[in-house]
C-alpha atoms as a PDB file:
ATOM      1  CA  MET A   1      23.439  -0.728 -10.477  1.00  0.00           C
ATOM      2  CA  GLU A   2      24.425   2.589 -11.986  1.00  0.00           C
ATOM      3  CA  ILE A   3      22.057   5.519 -11.624  1.00  0.00           C
ATOM      4  CA  THR A   4      22.388   8.298 -14.139  1.00  0.00           C
ATOM      5  CA  GLU A   5      22.345  11.952 -13.163  1.00  0.00           C
ATOM      6  CA  GLN A   6      19.023  12.309 -14.994  1.00  0.00           C
ATOM      7  CA  GLU A   7      17.456   9.434 -13.019  1.00  0.00           C
ATOM      8  CA  PHE A   8      18.792  10.919  -9.789  1.00  0.00           C
ATOM      9  CA  GLN A   9      17.317  14.342 -10.580  1.00  0.00           C
ATOM     10  CA  ALA A  10      13.948  12.788 -11.504  1.00  0.00           C
ATOM     11  CA  ALA A  11      13.854  10.825  -8.236  1.00  0.00           C
ATOM     12  CA  THR A  12      14.787  13.940  -6.265  1.00  0.00           C
ATOM     13  CA  LEU A  13      11.965  15.914  -7.898  1.00  0.00           C
ATOM     14  CA  ARG A  14       9.462  13.121  -7.153  1.00  0.00           C
ATOM     15  CA  GLY A  15      10.547  13.108  -3.517  1.00  0.00           C
ATOM     16  CA  GLU A  16      10.254  16.887  -3.213  1.00  0.00           C
ATOM     17  CA  LYS A  17       6.805  16.849  -4.818  1.00  0.00           C
ATOM     18  CA  MET A  18       5.640  14.121  -2.454  1.00  0.00           C
ATOM     19  CA  ARG A  19       7.007  15.955   0.568  1.00  0.00           C
ATOM     20  CA  ARG A  20       5.108  19.137  -0.388  1.00  0.00           C
ATOM     21  CA  ARG A  21       1.864  17.179   0.057  1.00  0.00           C
ATOM     22  CA  GLY A  22       2.687  16.724   3.713  1.00  0.00           C
ATOM     23  CA  TYR A  23       5.120  15.000   6.027  1.00  0.00           C
ATOM     24  CA  ALA A  24       5.057  13.819   9.621  1.00  0.00           C
ATOM     25  CA  VAL A  25       6.119  16.211  12.348  1.00  0.00           C
ATOM     26  CA  SER A  26       4.732  14.116  15.219  1.00  0.00           C
ATOM     27  CA  ALA A  27       3.688  10.512  15.758  1.00  0.00           C
ATOM     28  CA  ASP A  28       2.124   8.949  18.827  1.00  0.00           C
ATOM     29  CA  TYR A  29       0.377   5.756  19.815  1.00  0.00           C
ATOM     30  CA  ASP A  30      -2.989   6.355  21.504  1.00  0.00           C
ATOM     31  CA  ARG A  31      -3.191   3.376  23.849  1.00  0.00           C
ATOM     32  CA  HIS A  32      -6.785   4.071  24.935  1.00  0.00           C
ATOM     33  CA  GLN A  33      -8.136   4.142  21.381  1.00  0.00           C
ATOM     34  CA  ASN A  34      -5.509   1.692  20.021  1.00  0.00           C
ATOM     35  CA  ARG A  35      -4.660   3.980  17.129  1.00  0.00           C
ATOM     36  CA  LEU A  36      -1.735   5.692  15.488  1.00  0.00           C
ATOM     37  CA  VAL A  37      -1.912   9.504  15.546  1.00  0.00           C
ATOM     38  CA  VAL A  38       0.293  11.293  13.013  1.00  0.00           C
ATOM     39  CA  GLY A  39       0.563  15.086  12.889  1.00  0.00           C
ATOM     40  CA  LEU A  40       1.527  16.536   9.526  1.00  0.00           C
ATOM     41  CA  ASN A  41       3.300  19.798   8.743  1.00  0.00           C
ATOM     42  CA  THR A  42       0.090  20.959   7.043  1.00  0.00           C
ATOM     43  CA  GLY A  43      -1.794  20.945  10.347  1.00  0.00           C
ATOM     44  CA  VAL A  44      -3.718  17.802   9.408  1.00  0.00           C
ATOM     45  CA  THR A  45      -3.801  14.940  11.897  1.00  0.00           C
ATOM     46  CA  ILE A  46      -4.237  11.370  10.667  1.00  0.00           C
ATOM     47  CA  MET A  47      -5.654   8.808  13.097  1.00  0.00           C
ATOM     48  CA  VAL A  48      -5.615   5.164  12.027  1.00  0.00           C
ATOM     49  CA  PRO A  49      -6.654   2.151  14.120  1.00  0.00           C
ATOM     50  CA  VAL A  50      -3.520   0.037  14.569  1.00  0.00           C
ATOM     51  CA  HIS A  51      -5.258  -3.195  13.543  1.00  0.00           C
ATOM     52  CA  LEU A  52      -5.669  -1.744  10.038  1.00  0.00           C
ATOM     53  CA  ILE A  53      -1.909  -1.328   9.507  1.00  0.00           C
ATOM     54  CA  GLN A  54      -0.247  -4.515   8.257  1.00  0.00           C
ATOM     55  CA  GLU A  55       3.111  -3.920   9.947  1.00  0.00           C
ATOM     56  CA  LEU A  56       1.469  -3.284  13.324  1.00  0.00           C
ATOM     57  CA  THR A  57      -1.421  -5.767  13.547  1.00  0.00           C
ATOM     58  CA  ALA A  58       0.333  -8.250  15.840  1.00  0.00           C
ATOM     59  CA  ALA A  59       2.189  -5.686  17.956  1.00  0.00           C
ATOM     60  CA  ALA A  60       1.679  -5.333  21.690  1.00  0.00           C
ATOM     61  CA  ALA A  61       0.755  -1.915  23.064  1.00  0.00           C
ATOM     62  CA  ASP A  62       4.131  -1.394  24.761  1.00  0.00           C
ATOM     63  CA  GLU A  63       5.925  -2.123  21.453  1.00  0.00           C
ATOM     64  CA  LEU A  64       3.950   0.638  19.738  1.00  0.00           C
ATOM     65  CA  GLU A  65       4.889   3.383  22.200  1.00  0.00           C
ATOM     66  CA  GLU A  66       8.318   4.176  20.719  1.00  0.00           C
ATOM     67  CA  ILE A  67       8.020   5.718  17.249  1.00  0.00           C
ATOM     68  CA  GLU A  68      10.792   7.371  15.257  1.00  0.00           C
ATOM     69  CA  ILE A  69      10.129   9.782  12.394  1.00  0.00           C
ATOM     70  CA  SER A  70      12.554   9.714   9.450  1.00  0.00           C
ATOM     71  CA  PRO A  71      14.538  12.918   8.843  1.00  0.00           C
ATOM     72  CA  ALA A  72      12.377  13.733   5.795  1.00  0.00           C
ATOM     73  CA  GLY A  73       9.185  12.958   7.726  1.00  0.00           C
ATOM     74  CA  THR A  74       8.038  10.464   5.111  1.00  0.00           C
ATOM     75  CA  ALA A  75       8.434   7.297   7.176  1.00  0.00           C
ATOM     76  CA  LEU A  76       7.689   6.079  10.690  1.00  0.00           C
ATOM     77  CA  HIS A  77       9.822   3.427  12.355  1.00  0.00           C
ATOM     78  CA  TRP A  78       9.165   1.229  15.402  1.00  0.00           C
ATOM     79  CA  PRO A  79      12.607   0.097  16.641  1.00  0.00           C
ATOM     80  CA  ARG A  80      11.246  -2.610  18.953  1.00  0.00           C
ATOM     81  CA  LEU A  81       9.304  -4.155  16.061  1.00  0.00           C
ATOM     82  CA  ASP A  82      11.756  -3.323  13.270  1.00  0.00           C
ATOM     83  CA  ALA A  83       8.672  -2.111  11.393  1.00  0.00           C
ATOM     84  CA  ASP A  84       8.317   0.815   9.022  1.00  0.00           C
ATOM     85  CA  VAL A  85       5.265   2.624   7.667  1.00  0.00           C
ATOM     86  CA  TYR A  86       5.367   5.059   4.760  1.00  0.00           C
ATOM     87  CA  VAL A  87       3.545   8.308   5.632  1.00  0.00           C
ATOM     88  CA  PRO A  88       2.323   9.110   2.062  1.00  0.00           C
ATOM     89  CA  SER A  89       0.688   5.660   2.010  1.00  0.00           C
ATOM     90  CA  LEU A  90      -1.128   6.431   5.266  1.00  0.00           C
ATOM     91  CA  MET A  91      -2.317   9.686   3.711  1.00  0.00           C
ATOM     92  CA  GLN A  92      -3.717   7.697   0.770  1.00  0.00           C
ATOM     93  CA  GLY A  93      -5.416   5.101   2.958  1.00  0.00           C
ATOM     94  CA  ILE A  94      -2.968   2.351   1.979  1.00  0.00           C
ATOM     95  CA  TYR A  95      -2.166   0.382   5.118  1.00  0.00           C
ATOM     96  CA  GLY A  96      -0.372  -2.665   3.694  1.00  0.00           C
ATOM     97  CA  THR A  97       0.513  -4.589   0.555  1.00  0.00           C
ATOM     98  CA  LYS A  98      -2.089  -4.978  -2.195  1.00  0.00           C
ATOM     99  CA  ARG A  99      -2.549  -8.618  -1.278  1.00  0.00           C
ATOM    100  CA  TRP A 100      -3.000  -7.886   2.433  1.00  0.00           C
ATOM    101  CA  MET A 101      -5.407  -5.006   1.752  1.00  0.00           C
ATOM    102  CA  ALA A 102      -7.467  -7.231  -0.571  1.00  0.00           C
ATOM    103  CA  ALA A 103      -7.654  -9.925   2.105  1.00  0.00           C
ATOM    104  CA  GLN A 104      -8.843  -7.356   4.663  1.00  0.00           C
ATOM    105  CA  LEU A 105     -11.524  -6.058   2.312  1.00  0.00           C
ATOM    106  CA  GLY A 106     -12.600  -9.592   1.438  1.00  0.00           C
ATOM    107  CA  ALA A 107     -12.894 -10.548   5.094  1.00  0.00           C
ATOM    108  CA  ALA A 108     -14.936  -7.434   5.835  1.00  0.00           C
ATOM    109  CA  GLY A 109     -17.194  -8.034   2.840  1.00  0.00           C
ATOM    110  CA  GLY A 110     -17.687 -11.690   3.672  1.00  0.00           C
ATOM    111  CA  SER A 111     -18.700 -10.919   7.232  1.00  0.00           C
ATOM    112  CA  ALA A 112     -21.056  -8.089   6.251  1.00  0.00           C
ATOM    113  CA  THR A 113     -24.755  -8.725   6.581  1.00  0.00           C
ATOM    114  CA  SER A 114     -27.617  -6.955   4.882  1.00  0.00           C
ATOM    115  CA  PRO A 115     -31.299  -7.689   4.295  1.00  0.00           C
ATOM    116  CA  ALA A 116     -30.517  -8.463   0.638  1.00  0.00           C
ATOM    117  CA  LYS A 117     -27.724 -10.890   1.586  1.00  0.00           C
ATOM    118  CA  ALA A 118     -29.961 -12.622   4.144  1.00  0.00           C
ATOM    119  CA  ALA A 119     -32.795 -12.943   1.601  1.00  0.00           C
ATOM    120  CA  ALA A 120     -30.407 -14.411  -0.992  1.00  0.00           C
ATOM    121  CA  ALA A 121     -29.111 -16.941   1.558  1.00  0.00           C
ATOM    122  CA  ARG A 122     -32.672 -17.989   2.452  1.00  0.00           C
ATOM    123  CA  ALA A 123     -33.592 -18.358  -1.230  1.00  0.00           C
ATOM    124  CA  ASN A 124     -30.445 -20.385  -1.878  1.00  0.00           C
ATOM    125  CA  GLY A 125     -31.203 -22.573   1.142  1.00  0.00           C
ATOM    126  CA  ALA A 126     -34.722 -23.235  -0.149  1.00  0.00           C
ATOM    127  CA  LYS A 127     -33.154 -24.590  -3.333  1.00  0.00           C
ATOM    128  CA  GLY A 128     -31.068 -27.063  -1.372  1.00  0.00           C
ATOM    129  CA  GLY A 129     -28.111 -24.857  -0.499  1.00  0.00           C
ATOM    130  CA  ARG A 130     -24.986 -23.992  -2.369  1.00  0.00           C
ATOM    131  CA  PRO A 131     -24.388 -26.211  -5.413  1.00  0.00           C
ATOM    132  CA  ARG A 132     -21.569 -28.707  -5.063  1.00  0.00           C
ATOM    133  CA  LYS A 133     -18.436 -28.070  -7.039  1.00  0.00           C
ATOM    134  CA  ARG A 134     -18.049 -30.383  -9.967  1.00  0.00           C
ATOM    135  CA  SER A 135     -14.782 -32.284 -10.087  1.00  0.00           C
ATOM    136  CA  GLU A 136     -12.773 -31.852 -13.255  1.00  0.00           C
ATOM    137  CA  SER A 137     -12.250 -35.431 -14.430  1.00  0.00           C
END
């Protein structure tokens, strides 16, 4: 695939613009809190629970200890897991693919309880429960 000089320049400018927003200068795994701690060049520190990051959800604590920062500071790499996390995504609160993030939000929403949800469930139960699905025949 050929890349034109114009496309190369545009990509370079996008990368420089993104890097100005902040890049990683340090990255550590906090074993006690089970979270990733990323220090940015701006002085901001991002702390994210590891279970929220798709690439790291199944990792053991000792696998999370060794973290490499890319030369540009825009990516984190775990050699023992062969896993990578994009720092600008962490800064935006994006911890996985769209599909994975949607599943996490759906699971959290489905397990949430509230007085309104409990009242709706009781009212539905009084009517005989959830209606059966009709088969398409």
